[in-house]
Amino acid sequence: MNEAHNMSEAARQAVLDSVRMDEGRGGRARIGFVLIPNEQTIEEDMIRHLPPGVGAYFSRATMPREISTDSLAQLRGSLAETAARILPDDGLDVICFACTSGTVAVGEDASCAELSKGAPGARPTTLAGAVRKALTATGARRITLGSPYVAELNDNVAAYLEAAGFDVVAAHGMGLNYDTEMIRVAPEYLIDYARAIDTPEADTVLLSCGALRSIDVVDEIEQRLGKTVICSNQAMLWDCLRMAGIDDKLPGLGRLLREY
């Protein structure tokens, strides 16, 4: 028998008179990400790996197509406006500028200040800042840096890390100019790449750039190298969760998310 026929008129009316609600899909935390225009990796990485009840929301800042210090610095002018477009009514718990080299070009403090203008109720962070915090949390001291960047940007990231107190013992950039190239670097290649750039002097290997699919293989790279490996999207995921008060440990994504 149709269940509707078993419902009394009073019960039916009670259902219609009172809509039941829960916390929604982002009930535990809502995290906003400001992306660069051609970014194609971060959205899927965050949505795939954020734990249940944590929502991820995205918007894109404006900049020229080529990835250079000058083009990345132009992002500063649209960070606040872009942040303001993400859940303007419900608000965010955390807002993140999701570009490592962009953070370095704009400046970490300046990036956070712009994000706070657009999303004043959210805690601001950046991808480069997340990497810095992840390296600190795991006790990194001597770092091998690998990235898809041209030499200028790779040098800028190395200088940022040195200024933060880390010793960059080796650095290598792939020399790619566009996000549309960086997103196509095969994860299997990144395993070999990390092995090729690693040095015995380093206690940690850092694979920089949110466009790389490093999070897919970070756990395997750690097992191959026998040392801590930090990659951009892994660090950003960890940082945003912890800033939002989410302490879940996530397996399969390296030591950082398994232990810290």
C-alpha atoms as a PDB file:
ATOM      1  CA  MET A   1       0.000   0.000   0.000  1.00  0.00           C
ATOM      2  CA  ASN A   2       1.193   3.515  -0.767  1.00  0.00           C
ATOM      3  CA  GLU A   3       2.759   4.960   2.420  1.00  0.00           C
ATOM      4  CA  ALA A   4       1.080   8.310   1.805  1.00  0.00           C
ATOM      5  CA  HIS A   5      -2.267   6.617   2.343  1.00  0.00           C
ATOM      6  CA  ASN A   6      -1.122   5.488   5.826  1.00  0.00           C
ATOM      7  CA  MET A   7      -0.316   9.045   6.959  1.00  0.00           C
ATOM      8  CA  SER A   8      -3.030  10.703   8.976  1.00  0.00           C
ATOM      9  CA  GLU A   9      -4.189  14.137   7.937  1.00  0.00           C
ATOM     10  CA  ALA A  10      -2.734  15.603  11.146  1.00  0.00           C
ATOM     11  CA  ALA A  11       0.647  13.968  10.541  1.00  0.00           C
ATOM     12  CA  ARG A  12       0.662  15.105   6.911  1.00  0.00           C
ATOM     13  CA  GLN A  13      -0.123  18.662   7.877  1.00  0.00           C
ATOM     14  CA  ALA A  14       2.568  18.632  10.594  1.00  0.00           C
ATOM     15  CA  VAL A  15       5.172  17.680   7.958  1.00  0.00           C
ATOM     16  CA  LEU A  16       4.031  20.415   5.605  1.00  0.00           C
ATOM     17  CA  ASP A  17       3.925  23.036   8.354  1.00  0.00           C
ATOM     18  CA  SER A  18       7.470  22.466   9.671  1.00  0.00           C
ATOM     19  CA  VAL A  19      10.479  22.080   7.366  1.00  0.00           C
ATOM     20  CA  ARG A  20      13.247  20.051   9.013  1.00  0.00           C
ATOM     21  CA  MET A  21      16.804  21.253   8.447  1.00  0.00           C
ATOM     22  CA  ASP A  22      20.290  20.053   9.278  1.00  0.00           C
ATOM     23  CA  GLU A  23      23.676  21.784   9.039  1.00  0.00           C
ATOM     24  CA  GLY A  24      24.054  21.164   5.299  1.00  0.00           C
ATOM     25  CA  ARG A  25      27.128  19.817   3.539  1.00  0.00           C
ATOM     26  CA  GLY A  26      29.429  22.472   5.002  1.00  0.00           C
ATOM     27  CA  GLY A  27      28.141  22.234   8.542  1.00  0.00           C
ATOM     28  CA  ARG A  28      31.551  21.587  10.156  1.00  0.00           C
ATOM     29  CA  ALA A  29      33.432  24.301   8.277  1.00  0.00           C
ATOM     30  CA  ARG A  30      33.299  26.382   5.100  1.00  0.00           C
ATOM     31  CA  ILE A  31      36.597  27.084   3.332  1.00  0.00           C
ATOM     32  CA  GLY A  32      36.995  29.490   0.418  1.00  0.00           C
ATOM     33  CA  PHE A  33      39.789  29.321  -2.150  1.00  0.00           C
ATOM     34  CA  VAL A  34      40.895  32.175  -4.407  1.00  0.00           C
ATOM     35  CA  LEU A  35      42.402  30.618  -7.542  1.00  0.00           C
ATOM     36  CA  ILE A  36      44.302  31.978 -10.524  1.00  0.00           C
ATOM     37  CA  PRO A  37      42.404  31.939 -13.847  1.00  0.00           C
ATOM     38  CA  ASN A  38      43.750  28.751 -15.473  1.00  0.00           C
ATOM     39  CA  GLU A  39      44.091  26.629 -12.306  1.00  0.00           C
ATOM     40  CA  GLN A  40      42.664  23.131 -12.917  1.00  0.00           C
ATOM     41  CA  THR A  41      44.008  20.937 -10.098  1.00  0.00           C
ATOM     42  CA  ILE A  42      43.169  22.518  -6.745  1.00  0.00           C
ATOM     43  CA  GLU A  43      39.384  22.328  -6.940  1.00  0.00           C
ATOM     44  CA  GLU A  44      39.322  18.576  -7.503  1.00  0.00           C
ATOM     45  CA  ASP A  45      42.069  17.958  -4.922  1.00  0.00           C
ATOM     46  CA  MET A  46      40.207  19.857  -2.208  1.00  0.00           C
ATOM     47  CA  ILE A  47      36.764  18.427  -2.957  1.00  0.00           C
ATOM     48  CA  ARG A  48      38.149  14.889  -3.151  1.00  0.00           C
ATOM     49  CA  HIS A  49      40.104  14.985   0.112  1.00  0.00           C
ATOM     50  CA  LEU A  50      38.244  17.302   2.497  1.00  0.00           C
ATOM     51  CA  PRO A  51      36.477  15.235   5.188  1.00  0.00           C
ATOM     52  CA  PRO A  52      32.682  14.994   5.326  1.00  0.00           C
ATOM     53  CA  GLY A  53      30.944  18.112   6.568  1.00  0.00           C
ATOM     54  CA  VAL A  54      33.643  20.498   5.323  1.00  0.00           C
ATOM     55  CA  GLY A  55      32.642  22.566   2.291  1.00  0.00           C
ATOM     56  CA  ALA A  56      35.020  23.973  -0.338  1.00  0.00           C
ATOM     57  CA  TYR A  57      34.055  27.042  -2.364  1.00  0.00           C
ATOM     58  CA  PHE A  58      36.028  28.702  -5.158  1.00  0.00           C
ATOM     59  CA  SER A  59      36.437  31.896  -7.144  1.00  0.00           C
ATOM     60  CA  ARG A  60      39.106  33.146  -9.555  1.00  0.00           C
ATOM     61  CA  ALA A  61      41.222  36.276  -9.454  1.00  0.00           C
ATOM     62  CA  THR A  62      42.467  37.988 -12.617  1.00  0.00           C
ATOM     63  CA  MET A  63      45.969  38.030 -14.120  1.00  0.00           C
ATOM     64  CA  PRO A  64      47.711  37.620 -17.498  1.00  0.00           C
ATOM     65  CA  ARG A  65      48.112  34.096 -18.863  1.00  0.00           C
ATOM     66  CA  GLU A  66      51.894  33.785 -18.529  1.00  0.00           C
ATOM     67  CA  ILE A  67      53.192  32.807 -15.084  1.00  0.00           C
ATOM     68  CA  SER A  68      55.871  35.358 -14.149  1.00  0.00           C
ATOM     69  CA  THR A  69      56.725  37.529 -11.157  1.00  0.00           C
ATOM     70  CA  ASP A  70      55.150  40.588 -12.804  1.00  0.00           C
ATOM     71  CA  SER A  71      51.963  38.821 -13.865  1.00  0.00           C
ATOM     72  CA  LEU A  72      51.527  37.147 -10.494  1.00  0.00           C
ATOM     73  CA  ALA A  73      52.023  40.446  -8.656  1.00  0.00           C
ATOM     74  CA  GLN A  74      48.996  41.796 -10.519  1.00  0.00           C
ATOM     75  CA  LEU A  75      46.811  39.360  -8.587  1.00  0.00           C
ATOM     76  CA  ARG A  76      46.910  41.698  -5.599  1.00  0.00           C
ATOM     77  CA  GLY A  77      44.458  44.060  -7.267  1.00  0.00           C
ATOM     78  CA  SER A  78      41.650  41.484  -7.420  1.00  0.00           C
ATOM     79  CA  LEU A  79      42.168  39.348  -4.292  1.00  0.00           C
ATOM     80  CA  ALA A  80      39.691  41.274  -2.102  1.00  0.00           C
ATOM     81  CA  GLU A  81      36.991  41.403  -4.766  1.00  0.00           C
ATOM     82  CA  THR A  82      37.420  37.712  -5.547  1.00  0.00           C
ATOM     83  CA  ALA A  83      37.260  36.710  -1.878  1.00  0.00           C
ATOM     84  CA  ALA A  84      34.101  38.796  -1.445  1.00  0.00           C
ATOM     85  CA  ARG A  85      32.284  36.768  -4.117  1.00  0.00           C
ATOM     86  CA  ILE A  86      32.577  33.501  -2.156  1.00  0.00           C
ATOM     87  CA  LEU A  87      29.481  32.885   0.048  1.00  0.00           C
ATOM     88  CA  PRO A  88      28.854  36.587   0.701  1.00  0.00           C
ATOM     89  CA  ASP A  89      25.680  35.819   2.679  1.00  0.00           C
ATOM     90  CA  ASP A  90      26.602  32.732   4.722  1.00  0.00           C
ATOM     91  CA  GLY A  91      30.271  33.589   5.239  1.00  0.00           C
ATOM     92  CA  LEU A  92      33.427  31.497   5.453  1.00  0.00           C
ATOM     93  CA  ASP A  93      35.507  30.120   8.292  1.00  0.00           C
ATOM     94  CA  VAL A  94      38.787  30.247   6.326  1.00  0.00           C
ATOM     95  CA  ILE A  95      39.778  32.049   3.125  1.00  0.00           C
ATOM     96  CA  CYS A  96      42.925  30.952   1.244  1.00  0.00           C
ATOM     97  CA  PHE A  97      44.874  32.487  -1.632  1.00  0.00           C
ATOM     98  CA  ALA A  98      45.603  29.220  -3.415  1.00  0.00           C
ATOM     99  CA  CYS A  99      48.782  29.993  -5.347  1.00  0.00           C
ATOM    100  CA  THR A 100      52.300  29.386  -4.023  1.00  0.00           C
ATOM    101  CA  SER A 101      54.265  31.586  -6.414  1.00  0.00           C
ATOM    102  CA  GLY A 102      51.456  34.161  -6.379  1.00  0.00           C
ATOM    103  CA  THR A 103      51.744  34.463  -2.603  1.00  0.00           C
ATOM    104  CA  VAL A 104      55.484  35.021  -2.913  1.00  0.00           C
ATOM    105  CA  ALA A 105      55.020  37.639  -5.652  1.00  0.00           C
ATOM    106  CA  VAL A 106      52.300  39.571  -3.800  1.00  0.00           C
ATOM    107  CA  GLY A 107      53.711  38.964  -0.317  1.00  0.00           C
ATOM    108  CA  GLU A 108      52.200  36.772   2.366  1.00  0.00           C
ATOM    109  CA  ASP A 109      51.096  39.597   4.683  1.00  0.00           C
ATOM    110  CA  ALA A 110      49.748  41.679   1.799  1.00  0.00           C
ATOM    111  CA  SER A 111      47.838  38.672   0.442  1.00  0.00           C
ATOM    112  CA  CYS A 112      46.197  38.004   3.814  1.00  0.00           C
ATOM    113  CA  ALA A 113      45.313  41.684   4.214  1.00  0.00           C
ATOM    114  CA  GLU A 114      43.552  41.713   0.829  1.00  0.00           C
ATOM    115  CA  LEU A 115      41.687  38.490   1.607  1.00  0.00           C
ATOM    116  CA  SER A 116      40.476  39.981   4.888  1.00  0.00           C
ATOM    117  CA  LYS A 117      39.107  43.014   3.080  1.00  0.00           C
ATOM    118  CA  GLY A 118      36.911  40.766   0.974  1.00  0.00           C
ATOM    119  CA  ALA A 119      36.023  38.167   3.618  1.00  0.00           C
ATOM    120  CA  PRO A 120      36.408  39.971   6.962  1.00  0.00           C
ATOM    121  CA  GLY A 121      34.810  37.190   9.000  1.00  0.00           C
ATOM    122  CA  ALA A 122      37.169  34.467   7.747  1.00  0.00           C
ATOM    123  CA  ARG A 123      40.661  33.538   8.908  1.00  0.00           C
ATOM    124  CA  PRO A 124      43.041  34.321   6.013  1.00  0.00           C
ATOM    125  CA  THR A 125      45.863  32.110   4.810  1.00  0.00           C
ATOM    126  CA  THR A 126      47.882  31.438   1.664  1.00  0.00           C
ATOM    127  CA  LEU A 127      49.325  28.445  -0.111  1.00  0.00           C
ATOM    128  CA  ALA A 128      52.917  29.547   0.470  1.00  0.00           C
ATOM    129  CA  GLY A 129      52.086  30.221   4.112  1.00  0.00           C
ATOM    130  CA  ALA A 130      50.560  26.751   4.387  1.00  0.00           C
ATOM    131  CA  VAL A 131      53.776  25.229   3.032  1.00  0.00           C
ATOM    132  CA  ARG A 132      55.841  27.248   5.503  1.00  0.00           C
ATOM    133  CA  LYS A 133      53.656  26.100   8.402  1.00  0.00           C
ATOM    134  CA  ALA A 134      53.729  22.473   7.232  1.00  0.00           C
ATOM    135  CA  LEU A 135      57.521  22.487   7.020  1.00  0.00           C
ATOM    136  CA  THR A 136      57.723  23.950  10.518  1.00  0.00           C
ATOM    137  CA  ALA A 137      55.240  21.444  11.944  1.00  0.00           C
ATOM    138  CA  THR A 138      57.139  18.450  10.577  1.00  0.00           C
ATOM    139  CA  GLY A 139      60.501  19.751  11.812  1.00  0.00           C
ATOM    140  CA  ALA A 140      62.031  20.379   8.388  1.00  0.00           C
ATOM    141  CA  ARG A 141      65.415  22.100   8.373  1.00  0.00           C
ATOM    142  CA  ARG A 142      67.206  21.252   5.122  1.00  0.00           C
ATOM    143  CA  ILE A 143      65.025  21.231   2.028  1.00  0.00           C
ATOM    144  CA  THR A 144      65.269  20.058  -1.546  1.00  0.00           C
ATOM    145  CA  LEU A 145      62.892  22.214  -3.599  1.00  0.00           C
ATOM    146  CA  GLY A 146      61.294  21.001  -6.815  1.00  0.00           C
ATOM    147  CA  SER A 147      58.742  22.916  -8.879  1.00  0.00           C
ATOM    148  CA  PRO A 148      57.377  23.366 -12.402  1.00  0.00           C
ATOM    149  CA  TYR A 149      58.526  27.007 -12.410  1.00  0.00           C
ATOM    150  CA  VAL A 150      60.951  28.922 -14.572  1.00  0.00           C
ATOM    151  CA  ALA A 151      64.232  29.819 -12.855  1.00  0.00           C
ATOM    152  CA  GLU A 152      63.079  33.258 -11.694  1.00  0.00           C
ATOM    153  CA  LEU A 153      60.030  31.946  -9.845  1.00  0.00           C
ATOM    154  CA  ASN A 154      61.903  28.970  -8.431  1.00  0.00           C
ATOM    155  CA  ASP A 155      64.560  31.339  -7.077  1.00  0.00           C
ATOM    156  CA  ASN A 156      61.814  33.505  -5.534  1.00  0.00           C
ATOM    157  CA  VAL A 157      60.302  30.532  -3.711  1.00  0.00           C
ATOM    158  CA  ALA A 158      63.746  29.410  -2.524  1.00  0.00           C
ATOM    159  CA  ALA A 159      64.424  32.929  -1.202  1.00  0.00           C
ATOM    160  CA  TYR A 160      61.048  32.916   0.590  1.00  0.00           C
ATOM    161  CA  LEU A 161      61.932  29.631   2.286  1.00  0.00           C
ATOM    162  CA  GLU A 162      65.406  30.842   3.244  1.00  0.00           C
ATOM    163  CA  ALA A 163      63.903  34.012   4.743  1.00  0.00           C
ATOM    164  CA  ALA A 164      61.557  31.787   6.767  1.00  0.00           C
ATOM    165  CA  GLY A 165      64.566  30.034   8.310  1.00  0.00           C
ATOM    166  CA  PHE A 166      64.940  26.925   6.149  1.00  0.00           C
ATOM    167  CA  ASP A 167      68.124  25.836   4.405  1.00  0.00           C
ATOM    168  CA  VAL A 168      67.414  25.104   0.730  1.00  0.00           C
ATOM    169  CA  VAL A 169      70.207  22.679  -0.079  1.00  0.00           C
ATOM    170  CA  ALA A 170      69.088  22.044  -3.665  1.00  0.00           C
ATOM    171  CA  ALA A 171      66.495  23.531  -6.015  1.00  0.00           C
ATOM    172  CA  HIS A 172      65.218  22.556  -9.450  1.00  0.00           C
ATOM    173  CA  GLY A 173      62.518  24.057 -11.675  1.00  0.00           C
ATOM    174  CA  MET A 174      61.012  22.360 -14.717  1.00  0.00           C
ATOM    175  CA  GLY A 175      60.952  25.615 -16.700  1.00  0.00           C
ATOM    176  CA  LEU A 176      57.231  25.626 -17.528  1.00  0.00           C
ATOM    177  CA  ASN A 177      55.581  28.972 -18.302  1.00  0.00           C
ATOM    178  CA  TYR A 178      51.864  28.206 -18.211  1.00  0.00           C
ATOM    179  CA  ASP A 179      49.386  26.565 -15.859  1.00  0.00           C
ATOM    180  CA  THR A 180      48.033  24.632 -18.829  1.00  0.00           C
ATOM    181  CA  GLU A 181      51.425  22.875 -18.983  1.00  0.00           C
ATOM    182  CA  MET A 182      51.875  22.428 -15.235  1.00  0.00           C
ATOM    183  CA  ILE A 183      48.557  20.608 -14.812  1.00  0.00           C
ATOM    184  CA  ARG A 184      49.676  17.964 -17.344  1.00  0.00           C
ATOM    185  CA  VAL A 185      52.834  16.860 -15.509  1.00  0.00           C
ATOM    186  CA  ALA A 186      52.165  13.157 -14.895  1.00  0.00           C
ATOM    187  CA  PRO A 187      52.012  12.032 -11.248  1.00  0.00           C
ATOM    188  CA  GLU A 188      54.170   9.022 -12.135  1.00  0.00           C
ATOM    189  CA  TYR A 189      56.814  11.423 -13.446  1.00  0.00           C
ATOM    190  CA  LEU A 190      56.712  13.297 -10.135  1.00  0.00           C
ATOM    191  CA  ILE A 191      57.806  10.110  -8.346  1.00  0.00           C
ATOM    192  CA  ASP A 192      60.876   9.863 -10.563  1.00  0.00           C
ATOM    193  CA  TYR A 193      61.402  13.630 -10.421  1.00  0.00           C
ATOM    194  CA  ALA A 194      61.479  13.650  -6.620  1.00  0.00           C
ATOM    195  CA  ARG A 195      64.017  10.814  -6.638  1.00  0.00           C
ATOM    196  CA  ALA A 196      66.154  12.670  -9.197  1.00  0.00           C
ATOM    197  CA  ILE A 197      66.298  15.973  -7.277  1.00  0.00           C
ATOM    198  CA  ASP A 198      66.652  14.510  -3.779  1.00  0.00           C
ATOM    199  CA  THR A 199      69.988  14.869  -2.017  1.00  0.00           C
ATOM    200  CA  PRO A 200      71.353  13.074   1.057  1.00  0.00           C
ATOM    201  CA  GLU A 201      71.782  16.434   2.820  1.00  0.00           C
ATOM    202  CA  ALA A 202      68.041  17.180   2.733  1.00  0.00           C
ATOM    203  CA  ASP A 203      65.692  15.980   5.465  1.00  0.00           C
ATOM    204  CA  THR A 204      62.616  17.057   3.468  1.00  0.00           C
ATOM    205  CA  VAL A 205      61.617  17.243  -0.186  1.00  0.00           C
ATOM    206  CA  LEU A 206      59.194  20.029  -1.141  1.00  0.00           C
ATOM    207  CA  LEU A 207      57.205  19.817  -4.377  1.00  0.00           C
ATOM    208  CA  SER A 208      55.896  23.328  -4.862  1.00  0.00           C
ATOM    209  CA  CYS A 209      52.873  24.485  -6.923  1.00  0.00           C
ATOM    210  CA  GLY A 210      49.164  23.799  -6.604  1.00  0.00           C
ATOM    211  CA  ALA A 211      48.910  22.943 -10.297  1.00  0.00           C
ATOM    212  CA  LEU A 212      50.955  19.761  -9.877  1.00  0.00           C
ATOM    213  CA  ARG A 213      49.100  16.545  -9.019  1.00  0.00           C
ATOM    214  CA  SER A 214      51.645  15.813  -6.301  1.00  0.00           C
ATOM    215  CA  ILE A 215      49.033  14.960  -3.672  1.00  0.00           C
ATOM    216  CA  ASP A 216      48.202  11.815  -5.679  1.00  0.00           C
ATOM    217  CA  VAL A 217      51.671  10.390  -5.094  1.00  0.00           C
ATOM    218  CA  VAL A 218      53.052  12.162  -2.011  1.00  0.00           C
ATOM    219  CA  ASP A 219      52.603   9.095   0.176  1.00  0.00           C
ATOM    220  CA  GLU A 220      54.441   6.866  -2.313  1.00  0.00           C
ATOM    221  CA  ILE A 221      57.261   9.379  -2.703  1.00  0.00           C
ATOM    222  CA  GLU A 222      57.746   9.445   1.082  1.00  0.00           C
ATOM    223  CA  GLN A 223      57.961   5.671   1.141  1.00  0.00           C
ATOM    224  CA  ARG A 224      60.461   5.640  -1.738  1.00  0.00           C
ATOM    225  CA  LEU A 225      62.699   8.363  -0.264  1.00  0.00           C
ATOM    226  CA  GLY A 226      62.380   7.453   3.411  1.00  0.00           C
ATOM    227  CA  LYS A 227      61.950  11.105   4.406  1.00  0.00           C
ATOM    228  CA  THR A 228      59.229  13.702   4.776  1.00  0.00           C
ATOM    229  CA  VAL A 229      57.703  15.037   1.562  1.00  0.00           C
ATOM    230  CA  ILE A 230      55.569  18.171   1.506  1.00  0.00           C
ATOM    231  CA  CYS A 231      53.582  19.245  -1.539  1.00  0.00           C
ATOM    232  CA  SER A 232      51.529  22.379  -2.007  1.00  0.00           C
ATOM    233  CA  ASN A 233      47.964  21.035  -2.033  1.00  0.00           C
ATOM    234  CA  GLN A 234      48.641  18.604   0.796  1.00  0.00           C
ATOM    235  CA  ALA A 235      49.968  21.496   2.910  1.00  0.00           C
ATOM    236  CA  MET A 236      47.042  23.740   1.965  1.00  0.00           C
ATOM    237  CA  LEU A 237      44.494  21.052   2.810  1.00  0.00           C
ATOM    238  CA  TRP A 238      46.150  20.510   6.204  1.00  0.00           C
ATOM    239  CA  ASP A 239      46.501  24.218   6.984  1.00  0.00           C
ATOM    240  CA  CYS A 240      42.934  25.153   6.049  1.00  0.00           C
ATOM    241  CA  LEU A 241      41.486  22.277   8.050  1.00  0.00           C
ATOM    242  CA  ARG A 242      43.505  23.082  11.151  1.00  0.00           C
ATOM    243  CA  MET A 243      42.685  26.809  10.878  1.00  0.00           C
ATOM    244  CA  ALA A 244      38.997  25.852  10.696  1.00  0.00           C
ATOM    245  CA  GLY A 245      39.328  23.761  13.864  1.00  0.00           C
ATOM    246  CA  ILE A 246      39.098  20.420  12.033  1.00  0.00           C
ATOM    247  CA  ASP A 247      41.641  17.981  13.498  1.00  0.00           C
ATOM    248  CA  ASP A 248      40.833  14.916  11.373  1.00  0.00           C
ATOM    249  CA  LYS A 249      43.855  12.808  10.440  1.00  0.00           C
ATOM    250  CA  LEU A 250      43.693  11.734   6.786  1.00  0.00           C
ATOM    251  CA  PRO A 251      45.467   8.544   5.622  1.00  0.00           C
ATOM    252  CA  GLY A 252      47.258   8.114   2.314  1.00  0.00           C
ATOM    253  CA  LEU A 253      48.317  11.747   1.955  1.00  0.00           C
ATOM    254  CA  GLY A 254      51.726  11.670   3.575  1.00  0.00           C
ATOM    255  CA  ARG A 255      53.091  12.092   7.067  1.00  0.00           C
ATOM    256  CA  LEU A 256      51.756  15.654   7.436  1.00  0.00           C
ATOM    257  CA  LEU A 257      48.061  14.725   7.319  1.00  0.00           C
ATOM    258  CA  ARG A 258      48.592  11.389   9.025  1.00  0.00           C
ATOM    259  CA  GLU A 259      50.405  12.721  12.132  1.00  0.00           C
ATOM    260  CA  TYR A 260      49.814  16.483  12.500  1.00  0.00           C
END
